[in-house]
PDB file of N, CA and C in Angstrom:
ATOM      1  N   MET A   1      -4.433 -12.294  -9.843  1.00  0.00           N
ATOM      2  CA  MET A   1      -5.623 -11.648  -9.373  1.00  0.00           C
ATOM      3  C   MET A   1      -6.827 -12.465  -9.824  1.00  0.00           C
ATOM      4  N   CYS A   2      -7.821 -12.538  -8.977  1.00  0.00           N
ATOM      5  CA  CYS A   2      -9.053 -13.264  -9.280  1.00  0.00           C
ATOM      6  C   CYS A   2     -10.239 -12.338  -9.096  1.00  0.00           C
ATOM      7  N   ASP A   3     -11.306 -12.605  -9.839  1.00  0.00           N
ATOM      8  CA  ASP A   3     -12.523 -11.829  -9.666  1.00  0.00           C
ATOM      9  C   ASP A   3     -13.320 -12.385  -8.486  1.00  0.00           C
ATOM     10  N   THR A   4     -14.518 -11.848  -8.268  1.00  0.00           N
ATOM     11  CA  THR A   4     -15.331 -12.264  -7.121  1.00  0.00           C
ATOM     12  C   THR A   4     -15.801 -13.706  -7.216  1.00  0.00           C
ATOM     13  N   LYS A   5     -15.774 -14.283  -8.415  1.00  0.00           N
ATOM     14  CA  LYS A   5     -16.178 -15.678  -8.600  1.00  0.00           C
ATOM     15  C   LYS A   5     -14.989 -16.632  -8.546  1.00  0.00           C
ATOM     16  N   GLY A   6     -13.793 -16.100  -8.336  1.00  0.00           N
ATOM     17  CA  GLY A   6     -12.599 -16.932  -8.259  1.00  0.00           C
ATOM     18  C   GLY A   6     -11.928 -17.186  -9.595  1.00  0.00           C
ATOM     19  N   ASN A   7     -12.411 -16.536 -10.655  1.00  0.00           N
ATOM     20  CA  ASN A   7     -11.807 -16.689 -11.977  1.00  0.00           C
ATOM     21  C   ASN A   7     -10.549 -15.830 -12.080  1.00  0.00           C
ATOM     22  N   TRP A   8      -9.482 -16.424 -12.665  1.00  0.00           N
ATOM     23  CA  TRP A   8      -8.221 -15.720 -12.811  1.00  0.00           C
ATOM     24  C   TRP A   8      -8.374 -14.563 -13.785  1.00  0.00           C
ATOM     25  N   ILE A   9      -7.911 -13.367 -13.411  1.00  0.00           N
ATOM     26  CA  ILE A   9      -7.964 -12.187 -14.275  1.00  0.00           C
ATOM     27  C   ILE A   9      -6.583 -11.911 -14.864  1.00  0.00           C
ATOM     28  N   LEU A  10      -5.581 -11.763 -14.012  1.00  0.00           N
ATOM     29  CA  LEU A  10      -4.222 -11.485 -14.456  1.00  0.00           C
ATOM     30  C   LEU A  10      -3.239 -11.802 -13.340  1.00  0.00           C
ATOM     31  N   GLY A  11      -1.971 -11.882 -13.696  1.00  0.00           N
ATOM     32  CA  GLY A  11      -0.922 -12.161 -12.725  1.00  0.00           C
ATOM     33  C   GLY A  11       0.249 -11.214 -12.926  1.00  0.00           C
ATOM     34  N   PHE A  12       1.185 -11.241 -11.993  1.00  0.00           N
ATOM     35  CA  PHE A  12       2.353 -10.376 -12.081  1.00  0.00           C
ATOM     36  C   PHE A  12       3.477 -10.980 -11.256  1.00  0.00           C
ATOM     37  N   ASN A  13       4.685 -10.479 -11.486  1.00  0.00           N
ATOM     38  CA  ASN A  13       5.818 -10.874 -10.654  1.00  0.00           C
ATOM     39  C   ASN A  13       6.764  -9.696 -10.505  1.00  0.00           C
ATOM     40  N   ARG A  14       7.618  -9.785  -9.494  1.00  0.00           N
ATOM     41  CA  ARG A  14       8.583  -8.721  -9.233  1.00  0.00           C
ATOM     42  C   ARG A  14       9.735  -9.317  -8.436  1.00  0.00           C
ATOM     43  N   PHE A  15      10.966  -8.969  -8.803  1.00  0.00           N
ATOM     44  CA  PHE A  15      12.134  -9.402  -8.049  1.00  0.00           C
ATOM     45  C   PHE A  15      12.328  -8.456  -6.871  1.00  0.00           C
ATOM     46  N   LEU A  16      12.330  -8.995  -5.655  1.00  0.00           N
ATOM     47  CA  LEU A  16      12.473  -8.172  -4.455  1.00  0.00           C
ATOM     48  C   LEU A  16      13.844  -8.295  -3.804  1.00  0.00           C
ATOM     49  N   GLY A  17      14.626  -9.270  -4.199  1.00  0.00           N
ATOM     50  CA  GLY A  17      15.907  -9.474  -3.531  1.00  0.00           C
ATOM     51  C   GLY A  17      15.678 -10.051  -2.142  1.00  0.00           C
ATOM     52  N   VAL A  18      16.526  -9.676  -1.208  1.00  0.00           N
ATOM     53  CA  VAL A  18      16.396 -10.165   0.166  1.00  0.00           C
ATOM     54  C   VAL A  18      15.451  -9.242   0.924  1.00  0.00           C
ATOM     55  N   CYS A  19      14.370  -9.806   1.441  1.00  0.00           N
ATOM     56  CA  CYS A  19      13.414  -9.026   2.226  1.00  0.00           C
ATOM     57  C   CYS A  19      12.641  -9.963   3.145  1.00  0.00           C
ATOM     58  N   SER A  20      11.894  -9.389   4.052  1.00  0.00           N
ATOM     59  CA  SER A  20      11.095 -10.195   4.975  1.00  0.00           C
ATOM     60  C   SER A  20       9.797 -10.623   4.295  1.00  0.00           C
ATOM     61  N   VAL A  21       9.124 -11.573   4.907  1.00  0.00           N
ATOM     62  CA  VAL A  21       7.829 -12.019   4.397  1.00  0.00           C
ATOM     63  C   VAL A  21       6.844 -10.857   4.409  1.00  0.00           C
ATOM     64  N   LEU A  22       6.861 -10.055   5.463  1.00  0.00           N
ATOM     65  CA  LEU A  22       5.958  -8.903   5.554  1.00  0.00           C
ATOM     66  C   LEU A  22       6.194  -7.934   4.403  1.00  0.00           C
ATOM     67  N   GLU A  23       7.459  -7.625   4.121  1.00  0.00           N
ATOM     68  CA  GLU A  23       7.768  -6.726   3.008  1.00  0.00           C
ATOM     69  C   GLU A  23       7.276  -7.301   1.683  1.00  0.00           C
ATOM     70  N   ALA A  24       7.457  -8.592   1.474  1.00  0.00           N
ATOM     71  CA  ALA A  24       7.003  -9.230   0.236  1.00  0.00           C
ATOM     72  C   ALA A  24       5.486  -9.147   0.108  1.00  0.00           C
ATOM     73  N   LYS A  25       4.769  -9.397   1.196  1.00  0.00           N
ATOM     74  CA  LYS A  25       3.302  -9.311   1.173  1.00  0.00           C
ATOM     75  C   LYS A  25       2.849  -7.883   0.873  1.00  0.00           C
ATOM     76  N   LEU A  26       3.481  -6.910   1.515  1.00  0.00           N
ATOM     77  CA  LEU A  26       3.108  -5.510   1.282  1.00  0.00           C
ATOM     78  C   LEU A  26       3.394  -5.085  -0.154  1.00  0.00           C
ATOM     79  N   TRP A  27       4.537  -5.523  -0.715  1.00  0.00           N
ATOM     80  CA  TRP A  27       4.833  -5.234  -2.119  1.00  0.00           C
ATOM     81  C   TRP A  27       3.776  -5.863  -3.026  1.00  0.00           C
ATOM     82  N   GLY A  28       3.347  -7.081  -2.693  1.00  0.00           N
ATOM     83  CA  GLY A  28       2.321  -7.750  -3.487  1.00  0.00           C
ATOM     84  C   GLY A  28       1.014  -6.987  -3.491  1.00  0.00           C
ATOM     85  N   ILE A  29       0.617  -6.489  -2.336  1.00  0.00           N
ATOM     86  CA  ILE A  29      -0.611  -5.690  -2.239  1.00  0.00           C
ATOM     87  C   ILE A  29      -0.471  -4.417  -3.061  1.00  0.00           C
ATOM     88  N   PHE A  30       0.641  -3.715  -2.874  1.00  0.00           N
ATOM     89  CA  PHE A  30       0.875  -2.462  -3.594  1.00  0.00           C
ATOM     90  C   PHE A  30       0.896  -2.664  -5.103  1.00  0.00           C
ATOM     91  N   GLU A  31       1.687  -3.628  -5.555  1.00  0.00           N
ATOM     92  CA  GLU A  31       1.799  -3.883  -6.995  1.00  0.00           C
ATOM     93  C   GLU A  31       0.473  -4.365  -7.579  1.00  0.00           C
ATOM     94  N   GLY A  32      -0.227  -5.220  -6.848  1.00  0.00           N
ATOM     95  CA  GLY A  32      -1.509  -5.728  -7.329  1.00  0.00           C
ATOM     96  C   GLY A  32      -2.537  -4.627  -7.508  1.00  0.00           C
ATOM     97  N   LEU A  33      -2.661  -3.765  -6.505  1.00  0.00           N
ATOM     98  CA  LEU A  33      -3.615  -2.659  -6.609  1.00  0.00           C
ATOM     99  C   LEU A  33      -3.216  -1.674  -7.703  1.00  0.00           C
ATOM    100  N   SER A  34      -1.921  -1.394  -7.811  1.00  0.00           N
ATOM    101  CA  SER A  34      -1.447  -0.493  -8.874  1.00  0.00           C
ATOM    102  C   SER A  34      -1.763  -1.060 -10.253  1.00  0.00           C
ATOM    103  N   LEU A  35      -1.529  -2.349 -10.424  1.00  0.00           N
ATOM    104  CA  LEU A  35      -1.794  -2.995 -11.708  1.00  0.00           C
ATOM    105  C   LEU A  35      -3.282  -2.971 -12.042  1.00  0.00           C
ATOM    106  N   LEU A  36      -4.121  -3.245 -11.056  1.00  0.00           N
ATOM    107  CA  LEU A  36      -5.566  -3.206 -11.298  1.00  0.00           C
ATOM    108  C   LEU A  36      -6.022  -1.813 -11.709  1.00  0.00           C
ATOM    109  N   LEU A  37      -5.511  -0.783 -11.062  1.00  0.00           N
ATOM    110  CA  LEU A  37      -5.869   0.584 -11.438  1.00  0.00           C
ATOM    111  C   LEU A  37      -5.420   0.900 -12.860  1.00  0.00           C
ATOM    112  N   LYS A  38      -4.208   0.475 -13.233  1.00  0.00           N
ATOM    113  CA  LYS A  38      -3.703   0.707 -14.588  1.00  0.00           C
ATOM    114  C   LYS A  38      -4.534  -0.027 -15.634  1.00  0.00           C
ATOM    115  N   GLN A  39      -5.108  -1.169 -15.264  1.00  0.00           N
ATOM    116  CA  GLN A  39      -5.929  -1.956 -16.183  1.00  0.00           C
ATOM    117  C   GLN A  39      -7.367  -1.432 -16.262  1.00  0.00           C
ATOM    118  N   GLY A  40      -7.700  -0.427 -15.448  1.00  0.00           N
ATOM    119  CA  GLY A  40      -9.020   0.178 -15.522  1.00  0.00           C
ATOM    120  C   GLY A  40     -10.031  -0.356 -14.522  1.00  0.00           C
ATOM    121  N   PHE A  41      -9.596  -1.223 -13.618  1.00  0.00           N
ATOM    122  CA  PHE A  41     -10.501  -1.703 -12.579  1.00  0.00           C
ATOM    123  C   PHE A  41     -10.570  -0.633 -11.496  1.00  0.00           C
ATOM    124  N   ASP A  42     -11.756  -0.086 -11.257  1.00  0.00           N
ATOM    125  CA  ASP A  42     -11.862   0.979 -10.262  1.00  0.00           C
ATOM    126  C   ASP A  42     -12.644   0.565  -9.015  1.00  0.00           C
ATOM    127  N   ARG A  43     -13.163  -0.658  -8.992  1.00  0.00           N
ATOM    128  CA  ARG A  43     -13.844  -1.179  -7.798  1.00  0.00           C
ATOM    129  C   ARG A  43     -13.187  -2.496  -7.430  1.00  0.00           C
ATOM    130  N   PHE A  44     -12.810  -2.638  -6.159  1.00  0.00           N
ATOM    131  CA  PHE A  44     -12.101  -3.839  -5.729  1.00  0.00           C
ATOM    132  C   PHE A  44     -13.014  -4.732  -4.962  1.00  0.00           C
TER     133      PHE A  44
END
């Protein structure tokens, strides 16, 4: 994840097994937003 200036904030990974590119992208969006909320970021 990067802030509005392009500075790295945090990263994550997840094993998805066999899935489509679309599923992987959607999981990335979901996990990324969930992680940001858990870290206390409330404005995206």
